[in-house]
């Protein structure tokens, strides 16, 4: 089903609504989710996986089966969190560290590793320059290089 999760999700919702509208049958489908990060899966929330719902799912093209495993909301809540903006940072810029043990510290960017989405910085207020590697999404650019 890889790459067709959205289509399966749309068909599932459409058929469930049609069943409700035309036959008055509530299949108990409360919510459905097809996260981009979870290839090949559509997560559904139901009180009970009935035979009718199971049949409806299996009749959707591109579905290969049902994994009947209850999951806790904590396992999927990160799919609902807003995605962080892509941080553009260059060597020489001053940044603020937003998380981790150096949270709130200001630092100067020493190197950028785009492939790992990490940067190496030196803390500005440390008596001795300390190189620290942090994830790009855990910093905020304070001063661009041209402003320095």
Foldseek 3Di string as FASTA:
>chain_A
DFPCQVVLVVQLVVVQVVCCVPVVDHQQWDDKADFPVDGPDIDTDGPDRDPVSQVSSVPRPPHDHDDPDDDDVVVPVVSVDDDFDLDDADAQFWKAFCDDPRHRFIWGWHAADVVQQKTWTFTPPDPDTDTDIDHNSRIGTDGHNVRD
